[in-house]
Amino acid sequence: MTNMMGAVLGRWTHTAPRETALDRFNRAMALHRSRARLAALEPHLLDDIGIDRQTAAEEASRPIWDAPDSWFR
């Protein structure tokens, strides 16, 4: 009843499920695979996405924990 009353009064609080260690590991591995694929792209494909070989190499060499916050939303 308390939760229902809170929802009616606009005080509903729902917390997102906590991220597990397995979730973090899977996300890190996906980022690693993505960067490895970027490094392996051919020059004409890099041109298609608007970056040069040097930029792709720099991104691919970044550590797993170095990712923009927007990637985790």
C-alpha atoms as a PDB file:
ATOM      1  CA  MET A   1       0.000   0.000   0.000  1.00  0.00           C
ATOM      2  CA  THR A   2       2.835   2.388   0.771  1.00  0.00           C
ATOM      3  CA  ASN A   3       4.378   1.982  -2.690  1.00  0.00           C
ATOM      4  CA  MET A   4       1.012   2.437  -4.330  1.00  0.00           C
ATOM      5  CA  MET A   5       0.376   5.573  -2.297  1.00  0.00           C
ATOM      6  CA  GLY A   6       3.835   6.878  -3.186  1.00  0.00           C
ATOM      7  CA  ALA A   7       3.112   6.327  -6.873  1.00  0.00           C
ATOM      8  CA  VAL A   8      -0.178   8.157  -6.621  1.00  0.00           C
ATOM      9  CA  LEU A   9       1.485  11.077  -4.862  1.00  0.00           C
ATOM     10  CA  GLY A  10       4.356  11.201  -7.347  1.00  0.00           C
ATOM     11  CA  ARG A  11       6.984   9.791  -5.031  1.00  0.00           C
ATOM     12  CA  TRP A  12       7.514   6.504  -6.791  1.00  0.00           C
ATOM     13  CA  THR A  13      11.112   5.519  -6.644  1.00  0.00           C
ATOM     14  CA  HIS A  14      12.386   2.767  -8.825  1.00  0.00           C
ATOM     15  CA  THR A  15      16.039   1.942  -8.740  1.00  0.00           C
ATOM     16  CA  ALA A  16      17.768   0.374 -11.687  1.00  0.00           C
ATOM     17  CA  PRO A  17      19.249  -3.071 -11.144  1.00  0.00           C
ATOM     18  CA  ARG A  18      22.858  -2.981 -10.057  1.00  0.00           C
ATOM     19  CA  GLU A  19      25.482  -3.835 -12.623  1.00  0.00           C
ATOM     20  CA  THR A  20      27.208  -7.115 -11.880  1.00  0.00           C
ATOM     21  CA  ALA A  21      30.861  -7.927 -12.394  1.00  0.00           C
ATOM     22  CA  LEU A  22      29.823 -10.122 -15.317  1.00  0.00           C
ATOM     23  CA  ASP A  23      27.979  -7.163 -16.887  1.00  0.00           C
ATOM     24  CA  ARG A  24      31.096  -4.998 -16.578  1.00  0.00           C
ATOM     25  CA  PHE A  25      33.284  -7.756 -18.020  1.00  0.00           C
ATOM     26  CA  ASN A  26      30.951  -8.285 -20.991  1.00  0.00           C
ATOM     27  CA  ARG A  27      30.839  -4.553 -21.683  1.00  0.00           C
ATOM     28  CA  ALA A  28      34.650  -4.319 -21.534  1.00  0.00           C
ATOM     29  CA  MET A  29      35.039  -7.252 -23.914  1.00  0.00           C
ATOM     30  CA  ALA A  30      32.520  -5.743 -26.352  1.00  0.00           C
ATOM     31  CA  LEU A  31      34.501  -2.508 -26.314  1.00  0.00           C
ATOM     32  CA  HIS A  32      37.729  -4.428 -26.910  1.00  0.00           C
ATOM     33  CA  ARG A  33      36.196  -6.278 -29.883  1.00  0.00           C
ATOM     34  CA  SER A  34      34.820  -3.038 -31.310  1.00  0.00           C
ATOM     35  CA  ARG A  35      38.191  -1.318 -31.133  1.00  0.00           C
ATOM     36  CA  ALA A  36      39.955  -4.338 -32.641  1.00  0.00           C
ATOM     37  CA  ARG A  37      37.524  -4.320 -35.568  1.00  0.00           C
ATOM     38  CA  LEU A  38      38.086  -0.594 -36.040  1.00  0.00           C
ATOM     39  CA  ALA A  39      41.837  -1.162 -36.246  1.00  0.00           C
ATOM     40  CA  ALA A  40      41.316  -3.846 -38.897  1.00  0.00           C
ATOM     41  CA  LEU A  41      39.130  -1.766 -41.228  1.00  0.00           C
ATOM     42  CA  GLU A  42      40.389  -1.145 -44.732  1.00  0.00           C
ATOM     43  CA  PRO A  43      41.151   2.458 -45.778  1.00  0.00           C
ATOM     44  CA  HIS A  44      38.050   2.836 -47.969  1.00  0.00           C
ATOM     45  CA  LEU A  45      35.838   1.777 -45.044  1.00  0.00           C
ATOM     46  CA  LEU A  46      37.553   4.267 -42.742  1.00  0.00           C
ATOM     47  CA  ASP A  47      36.844   6.933 -45.358  1.00  0.00           C
ATOM     48  CA  ASP A  48      33.171   5.927 -45.257  1.00  0.00           C
ATOM     49  CA  ILE A  49      32.967   6.687 -41.530  1.00  0.00           C
ATOM     50  CA  GLY A  50      35.080   9.814 -41.843  1.00  0.00           C
ATOM     51  CA  ILE A  51      38.245   8.941 -39.952  1.00  0.00           C
ATOM     52  CA  ASP A  52      41.810   8.343 -41.029  1.00  0.00           C
ATOM     53  CA  ARG A  53      44.128   5.447 -40.207  1.00  0.00           C
ATOM     54  CA  GLN A  54      45.937   7.414 -37.465  1.00  0.00           C
ATOM     55  CA  THR A  55      42.685   8.256 -35.635  1.00  0.00           C
ATOM     56  CA  ALA A  56      41.540   4.637 -35.888  1.00  0.00           C
ATOM     57  CA  ALA A  57      44.874   3.405 -34.510  1.00  0.00           C
ATOM     58  CA  GLU A  58      44.711   5.873 -31.607  1.00  0.00           C
ATOM     59  CA  GLU A  59      41.181   4.785 -30.705  1.00  0.00           C
ATOM     60  CA  ALA A  60      42.073   1.103 -31.007  1.00  0.00           C
ATOM     61  CA  SER A  61      45.059   1.492 -28.690  1.00  0.00           C
ATOM     62  CA  ARG A  62      43.067   3.089 -25.863  1.00  0.00           C
ATOM     63  CA  PRO A  63      42.675   0.936 -22.735  1.00  0.00           C
ATOM     64  CA  ILE A  64      39.378  -0.816 -22.054  1.00  0.00           C
ATOM     65  CA  TRP A  65      38.503   1.433 -19.121  1.00  0.00           C
ATOM     66  CA  ASP A  66      38.933   4.575 -21.232  1.00  0.00           C
ATOM     67  CA  ALA A  67      35.526   4.986 -22.856  1.00  0.00           C
ATOM     68  CA  PRO A  68      33.140   7.939 -23.074  1.00  0.00           C
ATOM     69  CA  ASP A  69      30.340   7.982 -20.497  1.00  0.00           C
ATOM     70  CA  SER A  70      27.772   8.051 -23.289  1.00  0.00           C
ATOM     71  CA  TRP A  71      28.742   4.479 -24.219  1.00  0.00           C
ATOM     72  CA  PHE A  72      27.404   3.210 -20.910  1.00  0.00           C
ATOM     73  CA  ARG A  73      23.880   4.608 -21.106  1.00  0.00           C
END
